Protein backbone atom coordinates (compact mmCIF):
# COMPACT_ATOMS: atom_id res chain seq x y z
CA MET A 1 -14.55 -143.28 132.26
CA ILE A 2 -15.91 -141.07 135.37
CA ASP A 3 -15.03 -137.67 134.36
CA GLU A 4 -16.55 -138.64 131.00
CA VAL A 5 -19.75 -139.55 132.13
CA SER A 6 -19.88 -136.41 135.07
CA ALA A 7 -19.36 -134.27 132.04
CA ILE A 8 -22.59 -135.11 130.14
CA LEU A 9 -24.20 -134.54 133.28
CA MET A 10 -22.85 -131.17 134.41
CA LYS A 11 -23.59 -130.00 130.80
CA ALA A 12 -27.36 -131.01 131.17
CA GLY A 13 -27.19 -129.64 134.65
CA VAL A 14 -28.97 -133.09 135.50
CA LYS A 15 -28.49 -134.17 139.35
CA SER A 16 -27.25 -138.09 139.74
CA THR A 17 -26.13 -140.39 142.87
CA TRP A 18 -23.11 -142.46 142.15
CA PHE A 19 -22.36 -145.51 144.28
CA VAL A 20 -18.55 -145.47 145.29
CA THR A 21 -16.39 -148.36 145.21
CA HIS A 22 -13.11 -147.10 145.61
CA ALA A 23 -11.09 -143.73 146.35
CA SER A 24 -9.72 -142.12 143.21
CA PRO A 25 -8.72 -138.28 141.66
CA SER A 26 -12.15 -138.53 139.55
CA ILE A 27 -14.04 -139.17 142.92
CA ASP A 28 -12.59 -136.20 144.69
CA ARG A 29 -13.49 -134.20 141.39
CA LEU A 30 -17.20 -135.62 141.84
CA ARG A 31 -16.94 -134.08 145.56
CA LYS A 32 -16.48 -130.55 144.10
CA HIS A 33 -20.09 -130.48 142.45
CA SER A 34 -22.05 -131.56 145.41
CA ASP A 35 -24.78 -129.42 143.72
CA LEU A 36 -25.24 -132.28 140.97
CA PHE A 37 -23.23 -135.45 142.20
CA GLU A 38 -24.50 -137.15 145.34
CA LEU A 39 -21.72 -139.87 146.63
CA GLY A 40 -23.11 -143.03 148.09
CA ILE A 41 -21.62 -146.75 148.80
CA HIS A 42 -21.51 -149.48 146.55
CA PRO A 43 -20.24 -152.34 149.19
CA ASN A 44 -19.03 -155.68 147.63
CA CYS A 45 -19.91 -158.49 149.93
CA LEU A 46 -19.47 -161.41 147.25
CA PRO A 47 -16.94 -164.09 147.53
CA GLY A 48 -13.33 -162.62 147.14
CA SER A 49 -14.48 -158.83 147.46
CA SER A 50 -11.34 -156.40 147.84
CA HIS A 51 -13.41 -154.52 150.15
CA GLY A 52 -13.55 -157.11 153.39
CA ALA A 53 -13.89 -160.64 154.21
CA ASN A 54 -17.39 -159.80 156.03
CA GLU A 55 -20.36 -157.21 155.66
CA LYS A 56 -18.91 -155.25 158.59
CA GLU A 57 -15.59 -154.97 157.03
CA VAL A 58 -16.94 -154.01 153.58
CA LEU A 59 -19.29 -151.64 155.14
CA ARG A 60 -16.01 -150.09 156.97
CA HIS A 61 -14.00 -149.79 153.95
CA VAL A 62 -16.62 -148.21 151.81
CA LYS A 63 -17.71 -145.58 154.27
CA ALA A 64 -14.09 -144.77 155.03
CA ILE A 65 -14.22 -143.35 151.26
CA VAL A 66 -17.51 -141.65 151.75
CA PRO A 67 -17.76 -140.87 155.36
CA ASP A 68 -21.25 -139.02 154.93
CA ALA A 69 -22.89 -141.40 152.44
CA VAL A 70 -26.56 -142.01 153.55
CA SER A 71 -27.37 -144.13 149.95
CA MET A 72 -26.47 -147.51 149.18
CA ARG A 73 -26.49 -149.96 146.46
CA SER A 74 -24.46 -153.50 146.83
CA HIS A 75 -22.65 -155.11 144.13
CA GLY A 76 -24.90 -157.65 142.59
CA LEU A 77 -27.66 -156.53 144.42
CA TYR A 78 -26.76 -158.55 147.42
CA GLN A 79 -28.97 -157.96 150.34
CA THR A 80 -30.35 -159.57 153.59
CA SER A 81 -32.22 -158.02 156.25
CA ALA A 82 -29.22 -158.50 158.85
CA PHE A 83 -27.25 -156.57 156.28
CA LEU A 84 -29.72 -153.69 155.72
CA ILE A 85 -30.28 -153.46 159.52
CA LEU A 86 -26.29 -153.37 160.21
CA ALA A 87 -25.95 -150.68 157.44
CA ALA A 88 -28.55 -148.53 158.98
CA ARG A 89 -27.55 -149.17 162.56
CA ASP A 90 -24.21 -149.00 162.50
CA PHE A 91 -23.16 -147.39 159.53
CA GLY A 92 -25.74 -144.13 158.97
CA ILE A 93 -27.36 -145.73 155.83
CA ARG A 94 -30.78 -144.06 155.33
CA LEU A 95 -31.70 -145.48 151.88
CA GLU A 96 -30.96 -148.13 149.96
CA SER A 97 -31.47 -149.12 145.78
CA ASN A 98 -31.16 -152.83 145.64
CA VAL A 99 -34.25 -154.13 143.75
CA VAL A 100 -34.74 -153.47 140.24
CA LEU A 101 -38.28 -153.55 138.82
CA PRO A 102 -37.68 -153.35 134.92
CA GLY A 103 -40.35 -150.99 132.85
CA ALA A 104 -42.78 -151.33 136.03
CA PRO A 105 -45.36 -148.54 136.15
CA GLY A 106 -45.89 -146.81 139.56
CA ILE A 107 -42.89 -147.27 141.38
CA VAL A 108 -43.18 -146.12 144.74
CA THR A 109 -40.70 -146.14 147.50
CA SER A 110 -40.77 -148.24 151.02
CA ASP A 111 -39.92 -147.96 154.22
CA PHE A 112 -37.96 -151.28 155.75
CA ARG A 113 -38.65 -150.86 159.79
CA PHE A 114 -36.95 -153.02 162.67
CA ASP A 115 -37.65 -151.71 166.06
CA ASP A 116 -36.03 -148.21 165.91
CA ILE A 117 -34.23 -148.67 162.31
CA VAL A 118 -35.89 -147.29 159.20
CA ILE A 119 -34.42 -147.21 155.87
CA ARG A 120 -35.98 -146.59 152.89
CA ARG A 121 -36.13 -148.35 149.84
CA VAL A 122 -35.92 -147.33 146.26
CA PRO A 123 -36.56 -149.34 143.69
CA TYR A 124 -34.86 -148.73 140.04
CA PHE A 125 -36.58 -149.09 136.62
CA TRP A 126 -34.08 -149.63 134.14
CA VAL A 127 -30.13 -150.68 134.11
CA ASP A 128 -28.09 -151.00 131.36
CA ASP A 129 -26.47 -154.22 132.21
CA LEU A 130 -29.63 -155.76 132.35
CA ALA A 131 -30.89 -154.25 129.40
CA MET A 132 -28.03 -155.95 127.32
CA HIS A 133 -29.66 -159.14 128.45
CA ASP A 134 -33.39 -158.34 127.80
CA PRO A 135 -34.31 -159.72 124.45
CA GLN A 136 -37.27 -157.37 124.45
CA ASN A 137 -34.78 -154.30 125.15
CA THR A 138 -35.03 -151.59 122.01
CA TRP A 139 -32.62 -149.09 123.52
CA ARG A 140 -35.68 -146.49 123.26
CA GLU A 141 -36.40 -146.28 126.89
CA ALA A 142 -34.75 -142.60 126.97
CA ARG A 143 -36.80 -141.34 124.43
CA GLU A 144 -40.08 -142.74 125.76
CA VAL A 145 -39.83 -141.36 129.31
CA THR A 146 -42.65 -139.53 130.42
CA TYR A 147 -43.79 -137.73 133.65
CA ALA A 148 -46.52 -139.87 134.90
CA PRO A 149 -46.64 -140.39 138.56
CA GLY A 150 -44.08 -143.12 140.09
CA LEU A 151 -40.83 -143.15 140.04
CA LYS A 152 -38.15 -143.79 137.08
CA VAL A 153 -34.54 -144.34 138.36
CA PHE A 154 -31.95 -145.06 135.77
CA SER A 155 -28.76 -146.63 136.87
CA PHE A 156 -25.62 -146.84 134.36
CA HIS A 157 -22.42 -147.83 135.06
CA PRO A 158 -19.46 -145.76 133.36
CA PHE A 159 -17.84 -148.11 131.25
CA HIS A 160 -21.11 -149.08 129.56
CA VAL A 161 -21.69 -145.52 128.54
CA VAL A 162 -18.25 -144.69 127.33
CA MET A 163 -18.20 -147.77 125.19
CA ASN A 164 -21.56 -147.24 124.31
CA ALA A 165 -21.95 -150.95 124.70
CA SER A 166 -25.19 -152.79 123.63
CA SER A 167 -23.89 -156.17 124.96
CA TYR A 168 -21.63 -157.47 128.12
CA GLU A 169 -19.04 -159.02 125.55
CA PRO A 170 -16.81 -155.70 125.22
CA TYR A 171 -16.07 -155.35 128.88
CA GLU A 172 -15.10 -159.20 129.26
CA ARG A 173 -12.95 -159.27 126.32
CA LEU A 174 -11.16 -156.12 127.35
CA LYS A 175 -10.70 -157.55 130.70
CA ARG A 176 -8.72 -160.40 129.22
CA GLU A 177 -6.85 -158.41 127.21
CA ARG A 178 -5.32 -155.78 130.20
CA PRO A 179 -6.21 -155.41 133.59
CA LEU A 180 -8.65 -152.93 134.58
CA HIS A 181 -6.37 -150.74 136.43
CA GLU A 182 -4.00 -150.61 133.25
CA TRP A 183 -6.75 -149.41 130.91
CA THR A 184 -6.17 -145.77 129.15
CA PRO A 185 -8.21 -143.80 126.83
CA ASP A 186 -6.24 -145.03 124.08
CA PHE A 187 -6.68 -148.77 124.83
CA ILE A 188 -10.47 -148.06 124.65
CA GLU A 189 -10.82 -145.86 122.13
CA SER A 190 -11.19 -148.31 119.11
CA HIS A 191 -13.72 -150.48 121.07
CA ARG A 192 -16.48 -147.68 121.50
CA SER A 193 -19.65 -148.65 119.38
CA ARG A 194 -21.82 -146.61 117.40
CA GLY A 195 -25.72 -146.78 117.41
CA ALA A 196 -27.87 -147.75 120.01
CA GLY A 197 -26.31 -148.61 123.54
CA ALA A 198 -25.78 -146.97 126.96
CA GLY A 199 -24.32 -144.09 126.04
CA ALA A 200 -26.83 -143.12 123.61
CA VAL A 201 -29.50 -143.92 126.05
CA LEU A 202 -27.82 -141.54 128.74
CA ALA A 203 -27.24 -138.85 126.11
CA THR A 204 -30.80 -138.68 124.99
CA LEU A 205 -32.08 -139.08 128.67
CA ALA A 206 -29.96 -135.92 129.90
CA ALA A 207 -31.05 -134.08 127.11
CA THR A 208 -34.53 -135.13 127.81
CA LEU A 209 -34.00 -133.80 131.16
CA SER A 210 -31.99 -131.03 130.91
CA GLY A 211 -33.80 -127.70 132.60
CA GLN A 212 -36.38 -130.21 134.39
CA PRO A 213 -36.42 -130.90 138.18
CA THR A 214 -34.55 -134.03 138.71
CA LEU A 215 -33.39 -135.29 142.39
CA PHE A 216 -30.50 -137.34 144.45
CA LEU A 217 -31.83 -140.65 145.89
CA LYS A 218 -31.30 -138.77 149.18
CA ASP A 219 -33.86 -136.46 148.25
CA LEU A 220 -36.35 -139.31 148.32
CA LEU A 221 -35.94 -139.51 152.02
CA ASN A 222 -38.20 -136.32 152.04
CA ILE A 223 -41.91 -138.02 152.08
CA GLU A 224 -43.31 -134.62 150.23
CA ILE A 225 -41.26 -135.38 147.36
CA VAL A 226 -41.88 -139.00 147.09
CA ALA A 227 -45.53 -138.22 147.17
CA ALA A 228 -45.11 -135.92 144.62
CA GLY A 229 -44.22 -138.60 141.88
CA ARG A 230 -41.45 -136.75 140.41
CA THR A 231 -39.21 -138.43 137.67
CA ILE A 232 -35.48 -138.79 138.92
CA SER A 233 -32.38 -139.71 137.59
């Protein structure tokens, strides 16, 4: 699924930031295209996490997979001030994107400061799984992208893109049928949906942004780029 989604972005020449949960050959393939893919971390501090029993263990686990990561988004958007301080102070995280502001105009970055610690906060504009639960969602967001001032950071999950999902039900149903690590292309093929959905949004967004300047999240550490108000993916 990672390979399939990354191929869409590579064809369009669109930069993206990937939040990594575990090591895999597909992540190694992303590393070979550092001009298009930034690798960040996706720590899971929720109960039952396989990443560790506490925040420090979790951060140590994911940073071992992506040692040079400076960007972070947590599972379930988990965050506390102590967690942000720990990630910045002990694990080199300089930017986090744990706040979603659906459709909000004029989104800008801000800095969380604690003594000599600074971590840049980058809200995001749209995410596929929340769109599935939004009664007002029309799946037209990609066609309505403009280059007006304000950040427009989109968030996608590989499964939802590959399945072109418009609801969360297929993911839950397929997990009941077979463990994730046993999924194969043949297993999911018949469950792909047509029409409106996360895959269609990404395909349209990639086509819209092809040939346009796009940014990694880590690029937003450059205040001059933030001030320019460019659209990013």
